[in-house]
Amino acid sequence: MKRLQAFKFQLRPGGQQECEMRRFAGACRFVFNRALALQNENHEAGNKYIPYGKMASWLVEWKNAT
């Protein structure tokens, strides 16, 4: 007989860890929002989808620009 088992964990980061986690989440949000805006502009202009490889190459430029 098979048994389903699950574990529940709770993160309790300290001051520095919480700061780093918030910073990382903010960076992810920035990249996602910027990529989504570019895709929407591209779609409204009647162009095709921008592939992942092309967007990934822009990450370095975005990082250096901020």
Protein backbone atom coordinates (compact mmCIF):
# COMPACT_ATOMS: atom_id res chain seq x y z
CA MET A 1 0.00 0.00 0.00
CA LYS A 2 1.36 3.41 -0.97
CA ARG A 3 1.38 6.24 1.50
CA LEU A 4 1.49 9.92 0.67
CA GLN A 5 3.72 11.96 2.92
CA ALA A 6 4.40 15.67 2.98
CA PHE A 7 6.70 17.95 4.90
CA LYS A 8 6.11 21.56 5.80
CA PHE A 9 8.97 23.99 6.32
CA GLN A 10 9.03 27.60 7.41
CA LEU A 11 11.86 29.99 6.60
CA ARG A 12 13.02 32.29 9.36
CA PRO A 13 15.79 34.39 7.85
CA GLY A 14 17.88 36.73 9.96
CA GLY A 15 18.35 40.42 9.23
CA GLN A 16 21.02 40.09 6.54
CA GLN A 17 19.42 37.03 4.92
CA GLU A 18 16.04 38.72 4.74
CA CYS A 19 17.62 41.78 3.13
CA GLU A 20 19.37 39.61 0.52
CA MET A 21 16.17 37.64 -0.21
CA ARG A 22 14.19 40.85 -0.71
CA ARG A 23 16.92 42.23 -2.97
CA PHE A 24 16.93 39.04 -5.07
CA ALA A 25 13.12 39.06 -5.35
CA GLY A 26 13.23 42.70 -6.44
CA ALA A 27 15.79 41.92 -9.14
CA CYS A 28 13.66 39.04 -10.43
CA ARG A 29 10.59 41.27 -10.49
CA PHE A 30 12.51 43.97 -12.38
CA VAL A 31 13.72 41.54 -15.06
CA PHE A 32 10.31 39.90 -15.47
CA ASN A 33 8.47 43.22 -15.77
CA ARG A 34 10.96 44.62 -18.25
CA ALA A 35 10.85 41.49 -20.42
CA LEU A 36 7.05 41.44 -20.30
CA ALA A 37 6.88 45.10 -21.35
CA LEU A 38 9.17 44.39 -24.31
CA GLN A 39 7.08 41.39 -25.35
CA ASN A 40 3.88 43.46 -25.13
CA GLU A 41 5.36 46.31 -27.18
CA ASN A 42 6.61 43.83 -29.75
CA HIS A 43 3.19 42.14 -29.95
CA GLU A 44 1.33 45.46 -30.31
CA ALA A 45 3.67 46.40 -33.16
CA GLY A 46 2.57 43.21 -34.96
CA ASN A 47 5.89 41.40 -34.62
CA LYS A 48 6.50 37.82 -33.55
CA TYR A 49 7.49 36.56 -30.12
CA ILE A 50 11.03 37.48 -28.95
CA PRO A 51 12.87 34.21 -28.23
CA TYR A 52 14.47 33.39 -24.88
CA GLY A 53 18.02 33.42 -26.26
CA LYS A 54 17.72 36.98 -27.49
CA MET A 55 16.18 38.18 -24.23
CA ALA A 56 18.82 36.36 -22.17
CA SER A 57 21.55 38.18 -24.07
CA TRP A 58 19.99 41.49 -22.97
CA LEU A 59 20.36 40.63 -19.27
CA VAL A 60 23.99 41.76 -19.20
CA GLU A 61 23.06 45.08 -20.79
CA TRP A 62 20.24 45.60 -18.28
CA LYS A 63 22.55 44.79 -15.39
CA ASN A 64 25.20 47.26 -16.56
CA ALA A 65 22.59 49.98 -17.21
CA THR A 66 21.36 50.01 -13.59
